[in-house]
Amino acid sequence: MKQVARTLALLALMSFWGGSVASAQVSIGIQIGPPPPPPVVYAPPPPPAQDFLWVQGYWYPVGNHYKWHEGYWTRSPYVGAYWVAPRYEGGRFYAGYWEGNHGRVDHDHRWDHDKDRDDHHHKGHKDRN
């Protein structure tokens, strides 16, 4: 009888945790020291095409310092996605990401070295995510 009671208690506890975890949102920040310098402000160049969106430049952590990421024109990872800019808040850095009705897509700095990244996406390839 004790085994049945333990099993029921464990199942109830797992059900409670599962419901709480499923609805929880997690945000991870990186703490590396003093805040980055102010953003570099400039007017963006003209877009390469009508469906491109401007991502404003920002500082991001690399090791124990910040590196400037130039602003750039890009296509969103899916129709309706919008850019949530990175931020430095409470001594922590929170990376930028794409958000929308199809979920979150994290920015991958390797994309910045792929000259064809937007062409791949435009042709239907899924290798950007």
Protein backbone atom coordinates (compact mmCIF):
# COMPACT_ATOMS: atom_id res chain seq x y z
CA MET A 1 0.00 0.00 0.00
CA LYS A 2 2.91 2.39 0.77
CA GLN A 3 4.31 1.77 -2.73
CA VAL A 4 0.98 2.75 -4.34
CA ALA A 5 0.79 5.92 -2.24
CA ARG A 6 4.37 6.87 -3.17
CA THR A 7 3.68 6.25 -6.86
CA LEU A 8 0.51 8.37 -6.77
CA ALA A 9 2.33 11.14 -4.91
CA LEU A 10 5.18 11.04 -7.43
CA LEU A 11 2.75 11.13 -10.37
CA ALA A 12 0.90 14.11 -8.83
CA LEU A 13 4.18 15.93 -8.26
CA MET A 14 5.35 15.22 -11.83
CA SER A 15 2.02 16.45 -13.18
CA PHE A 16 2.39 19.68 -11.19
CA TRP A 17 5.98 20.19 -12.38
CA GLY A 18 5.08 19.34 -15.98
CA GLY A 19 2.29 21.94 -16.04
CA SER A 20 4.52 24.58 -14.48
CA VAL A 21 7.50 23.86 -16.70
CA ALA A 22 5.43 23.76 -19.89
CA SER A 23 4.10 27.29 -19.31
CA ALA A 24 7.35 28.77 -17.99
CA GLN A 25 9.46 31.14 -20.05
CA VAL A 26 13.21 31.11 -19.72
CA SER A 27 15.51 34.04 -20.38
CA ILE A 28 19.26 33.59 -20.18
CA GLY A 29 21.64 36.50 -19.85
CA ILE A 30 25.43 36.61 -19.91
CA GLN A 31 27.21 38.58 -17.20
CA ILE A 32 30.65 39.82 -18.30
CA GLY A 33 31.26 43.07 -16.47
CA PRO A 34 30.63 46.72 -17.28
CA PRO A 35 28.06 47.65 -19.93
CA PRO A 36 29.11 47.99 -23.55
CA PRO A 37 29.80 51.39 -25.12
CA PRO A 38 26.81 53.33 -26.49
CA PRO A 39 25.51 52.07 -29.83
CA VAL A 40 26.98 53.56 -32.99
CA VAL A 41 24.23 55.69 -34.54
CA TYR A 42 23.98 56.10 -38.31
CA ALA A 43 21.37 56.09 -41.05
CA PRO A 44 20.94 52.71 -42.73
CA PRO A 45 21.70 52.38 -46.44
CA PRO A 46 18.80 51.76 -48.85
CA PRO A 47 17.34 48.24 -48.67
CA PRO A 48 18.47 45.76 -51.34
CA ALA A 49 14.83 44.73 -51.93
CA GLN A 50 11.37 45.55 -50.62
CA ASP A 51 11.07 42.50 -48.32
CA PHE A 52 14.30 43.18 -46.38
CA LEU A 53 14.26 44.39 -42.77
CA TRP A 54 16.93 46.52 -41.09
CA VAL A 55 18.63 45.08 -37.99
CA GLN A 56 20.28 47.96 -36.12
CA GLY A 57 23.91 47.44 -35.11
CA TYR A 58 24.66 46.37 -31.54
CA TRP A 59 27.42 45.34 -29.15
CA TYR A 60 27.59 41.65 -28.21
CA PRO A 61 29.91 39.75 -25.85
CA VAL A 62 32.90 37.80 -27.14
CA GLY A 63 34.94 36.29 -24.34
CA ASN A 64 35.36 39.00 -21.71
CA HIS A 65 34.77 42.03 -23.96
CA TYR A 66 32.17 43.41 -26.37
CA LYS A 67 32.39 43.43 -30.16
CA TRP A 68 30.41 45.73 -32.45
CA HIS A 69 28.02 44.01 -34.87
CA GLU A 70 27.28 46.29 -37.83
CA GLY A 71 23.66 46.86 -38.72
CA TYR A 72 22.46 44.97 -41.78
CA TRP A 73 19.53 44.32 -44.09
CA THR A 74 18.10 40.81 -43.97
CA ARG A 75 14.95 38.84 -44.57
CA SER A 76 13.12 37.53 -41.53
CA PRO A 77 13.34 33.77 -40.94
CA TYR A 78 9.60 33.48 -41.73
CA VAL A 79 6.76 35.77 -42.77
CA GLY A 80 5.55 37.87 -39.86
CA ALA A 81 8.67 37.46 -37.71
CA TYR A 82 10.04 40.60 -36.08
CA TRP A 83 13.47 41.35 -34.59
CA VAL A 84 13.77 41.70 -30.81
CA ALA A 85 16.95 43.72 -30.35
CA PRO A 86 19.68 42.54 -27.96
CA ARG A 87 19.91 44.46 -24.72
CA TYR A 88 22.11 45.00 -21.71
CA GLU A 89 20.01 45.07 -18.54
CA GLY A 90 20.82 44.66 -14.87
CA GLY A 91 24.45 43.85 -15.59
CA ARG A 92 23.56 41.10 -18.08
CA PHE A 93 23.53 40.82 -21.86
CA TYR A 94 20.44 39.34 -23.53
CA ALA A 95 20.94 38.29 -27.15
CA GLY A 96 18.63 39.45 -29.92
CA TYR A 97 16.30 37.03 -31.65
CA TRP A 98 13.46 36.77 -34.15
CA GLU A 99 9.96 36.28 -32.73
CA GLY A 100 6.52 35.77 -34.22
CA ASN A 101 3.62 33.37 -34.54
CA HIS A 102 5.94 30.49 -35.56
CA GLY A 103 8.14 30.86 -32.49
CA ARG A 104 11.55 32.17 -31.61
CA VAL A 105 14.59 31.96 -33.90
CA ASP A 106 17.92 32.84 -32.29
CA HIS A 107 20.46 34.90 -34.24
CA ASP A 108 23.51 32.92 -35.29
CA HIS A 109 26.63 35.09 -35.85
CA ARG A 110 27.87 32.53 -38.40
CA TRP A 111 25.14 33.89 -40.71
CA ASP A 112 27.10 37.13 -40.92
CA HIS A 113 29.85 35.37 -42.87
CA ASP A 114 27.42 33.70 -45.30
CA LYS A 115 27.08 36.13 -48.21
CA ASP A 116 24.20 34.03 -49.64
CA ARG A 117 22.27 33.62 -46.37
CA ASP A 118 19.19 35.51 -47.54
CA ASP A 119 19.26 33.85 -50.95
CA HIS A 120 19.23 30.40 -49.28
CA HIS A 121 16.19 31.39 -47.25
CA HIS A 122 14.48 32.92 -50.25
CA LYS A 123 14.92 29.67 -52.22
CA GLY A 124 13.21 27.69 -49.45
CA HIS A 125 16.30 26.22 -47.77
CA LYS A 126 16.07 25.81 -44.00
CA ASP A 127 19.81 25.95 -43.28
CA ARG A 128 19.65 29.41 -41.68
CA ASN A 129 18.14 28.23 -38.40
